[in-house]
Protein backbone atom coordinates (compact mmCIF):
# COMPACT_ATOMS: atom_id res chain seq x y z
CA UNK A 1 54.43 149.72 126.21
CA UNK A 2 56.48 146.67 127.29
CA UNK A 3 59.81 145.60 125.39
CA UNK A 4 59.14 142.11 124.15
CA UNK A 5 62.53 140.87 122.68
CA UNK A 6 65.89 141.55 121.23
CA UNK A 7 66.43 140.24 118.00
CA UNK A 8 69.85 139.46 116.35
CA UNK A 9 69.56 138.77 112.38
CA UNK A 10 72.19 136.56 111.39
CA UNK A 11 73.40 134.62 108.26
CA UNK A 12 73.57 131.22 110.25
CA UNK A 13 70.66 130.87 112.67
CA UNK A 14 71.93 127.29 113.69
CA UNK A 15 75.36 128.45 114.74
CA UNK A 16 74.05 131.52 116.71
CA UNK A 17 71.39 129.33 118.62
CA UNK A 18 74.16 126.53 119.50
CA UNK A 19 76.38 129.69 120.61
CA UNK A 20 73.50 131.20 123.09
CA UNK A 21 72.46 127.95 124.30
CA UNK A 22 76.01 127.00 125.37
CA UNK A 23 76.58 130.15 126.86
CA UNK A 24 73.17 130.69 128.74
CA UNK A 25 72.20 127.01 129.47
CA UNK A 26 68.83 127.60 127.85
CA UNK A 27 67.16 125.69 125.00
CA UNK A 28 65.92 127.69 122.49
CA UNK A 29 62.27 127.58 121.09
CA UNK A 30 62.81 126.87 117.25
CA UNK A 31 59.64 128.65 116.04
CA UNK A 32 60.73 128.23 112.46
CA UNK A 33 63.89 127.23 110.58
CA UNK A 34 64.64 130.85 110.31
CA UNK A 35 63.74 131.97 113.71
CA UNK A 36 64.40 131.11 117.25
CA UNK A 37 63.86 132.31 121.12
CA UNK A 38 65.80 132.02 123.99
CA UNK A 39 63.30 133.16 126.66
CA UNK A 40 64.19 134.23 130.22
CA UNK A 41 61.83 135.68 132.92
CA UNK A 42 63.12 138.97 132.37
CA UNK A 43 63.32 139.06 128.41
CA UNK A 44 63.43 137.13 125.03
CA UNK A 45 66.45 137.14 122.97
CA UNK A 46 65.47 136.37 119.26
CA UNK A 47 67.55 135.03 116.48
CA UNK A 48 66.30 135.45 113.08
CA UNK A 49 67.80 134.66 109.42
CA UNK A 50 68.77 137.55 107.29
CA UNK A 51 66.76 136.05 104.87
CA UNK A 52 63.62 137.52 106.80
CA UNK A 53 65.15 141.03 106.26
CA UNK A 54 63.45 141.91 102.73
CA UNK A 55 60.27 141.13 104.44
CA UNK A 56 61.09 144.11 106.81
CA UNK A 57 62.05 146.59 104.19
CA UNK A 58 65.09 147.27 102.01
CA UNK A 59 68.18 147.26 104.07
CA UNK A 60 66.35 147.07 107.07
CA UNK A 61 68.91 145.23 108.99
CA UNK A 62 72.40 143.63 108.33
CA UNK A 63 74.24 140.80 110.17
CA UNK A 64 77.61 141.05 111.52
CA UNK A 65 77.83 144.97 111.63
CA UNK A 66 76.51 145.99 115.22
CA UNK A 67 78.91 148.21 117.01
CA UNK A 68 76.64 150.04 119.34
CA UNK A 69 74.59 147.61 121.51
CA UNK A 70 75.64 144.95 124.10
CA UNK A 71 73.62 142.28 125.52
CA UNK A 72 73.74 142.09 129.18
CA UNK A 73 73.22 138.73 130.78
CA UNK A 74 73.16 138.90 134.87
CA UNK A 75 75.06 135.67 136.36
CA UNK A 76 75.82 134.10 139.68
CA UNK A 77 79.78 134.25 139.31
CA UNK A 78 81.27 136.20 136.66
CA UNK A 79 84.61 134.37 137.32
CA UNK A 80 82.88 130.85 137.19
CA UNK A 81 81.24 132.13 133.86
CA UNK A 82 84.80 132.91 132.70
CA UNK A 83 86.35 129.47 133.25
CA UNK A 84 83.25 127.80 131.50
CA UNK A 85 83.00 129.89 128.49
CA UNK A 86 86.57 129.17 127.59
CA UNK A 87 85.38 125.97 125.44
CA UNK A 88 82.46 128.10 123.74
CA UNK A 89 83.81 131.62 123.22
CA UNK A 90 86.49 132.48 120.56
CA UNK A 91 86.74 136.23 121.09
CA UNK A 92 87.31 137.35 125.00
CA UNK A 93 87.04 141.29 124.81
CA UNK A 94 88.19 141.49 128.25
CA UNK A 95 88.87 139.06 131.66
CA UNK A 96 86.37 139.63 134.61
CA UNK A 97 87.15 143.14 135.69
CA UNK A 98 85.60 145.24 138.46
CA UNK A 99 84.12 148.41 136.81
CA UNK A 100 83.75 151.73 138.29
CA UNK A 101 79.93 151.85 138.37
CA UNK A 102 79.82 148.59 140.74
CA UNK A 103 79.64 145.62 138.39
CA UNK A 104 82.10 142.85 137.94
CA UNK A 105 81.87 142.11 134.07
CA UNK A 106 83.08 139.68 131.30
CA UNK A 107 82.78 140.92 127.97
CA UNK A 108 82.69 138.58 124.76
CA UNK A 109 81.74 138.56 121.49
CA UNK A 110 79.35 135.99 119.74
CA UNK A 111 79.96 134.39 116.51
CA UNK A 112 78.62 137.46 114.74
CA UNK A 113 80.66 139.98 116.63
CA UNK A 114 77.98 141.20 118.82
CA UNK A 115 79.23 142.15 122.17
CA UNK A 116 78.01 140.28 125.38
CA UNK A 117 78.39 141.42 129.16
CA UNK A 118 78.14 138.62 131.83
CA UNK A 119 77.98 140.79 134.89
CA UNK A 120 77.19 140.72 138.53
CA UNK A 121 77.10 143.82 141.07
CA UNK A 122 79.68 143.94 143.25
CA UNK A 123 77.82 145.74 146.20
């Protein structure tokens, strides 16, 4: 088995795609107006419209309600990432912080409120 992608359902695909393109420097593959993928060597972040949810089953997903999953992005320099994100990110959960498990982390929220961790191991 292989994890193929992590998918976020949103009411505004264009806004979320623009946000993730800005924070990652990647260009999304727009497979359909209601779906996009940001592909990296280690995984894919998919963004789908909530208009697709009824195809999955009644109440299968709901936008803007995640409070249990974080997206982790490995970066070269957490402090430099912090400086570059000020024009893109509205909600910073913390400033760059050394965590007891050995990572320097910066946590922010995307426009839908999903938690994003930009991190780098300190050792």
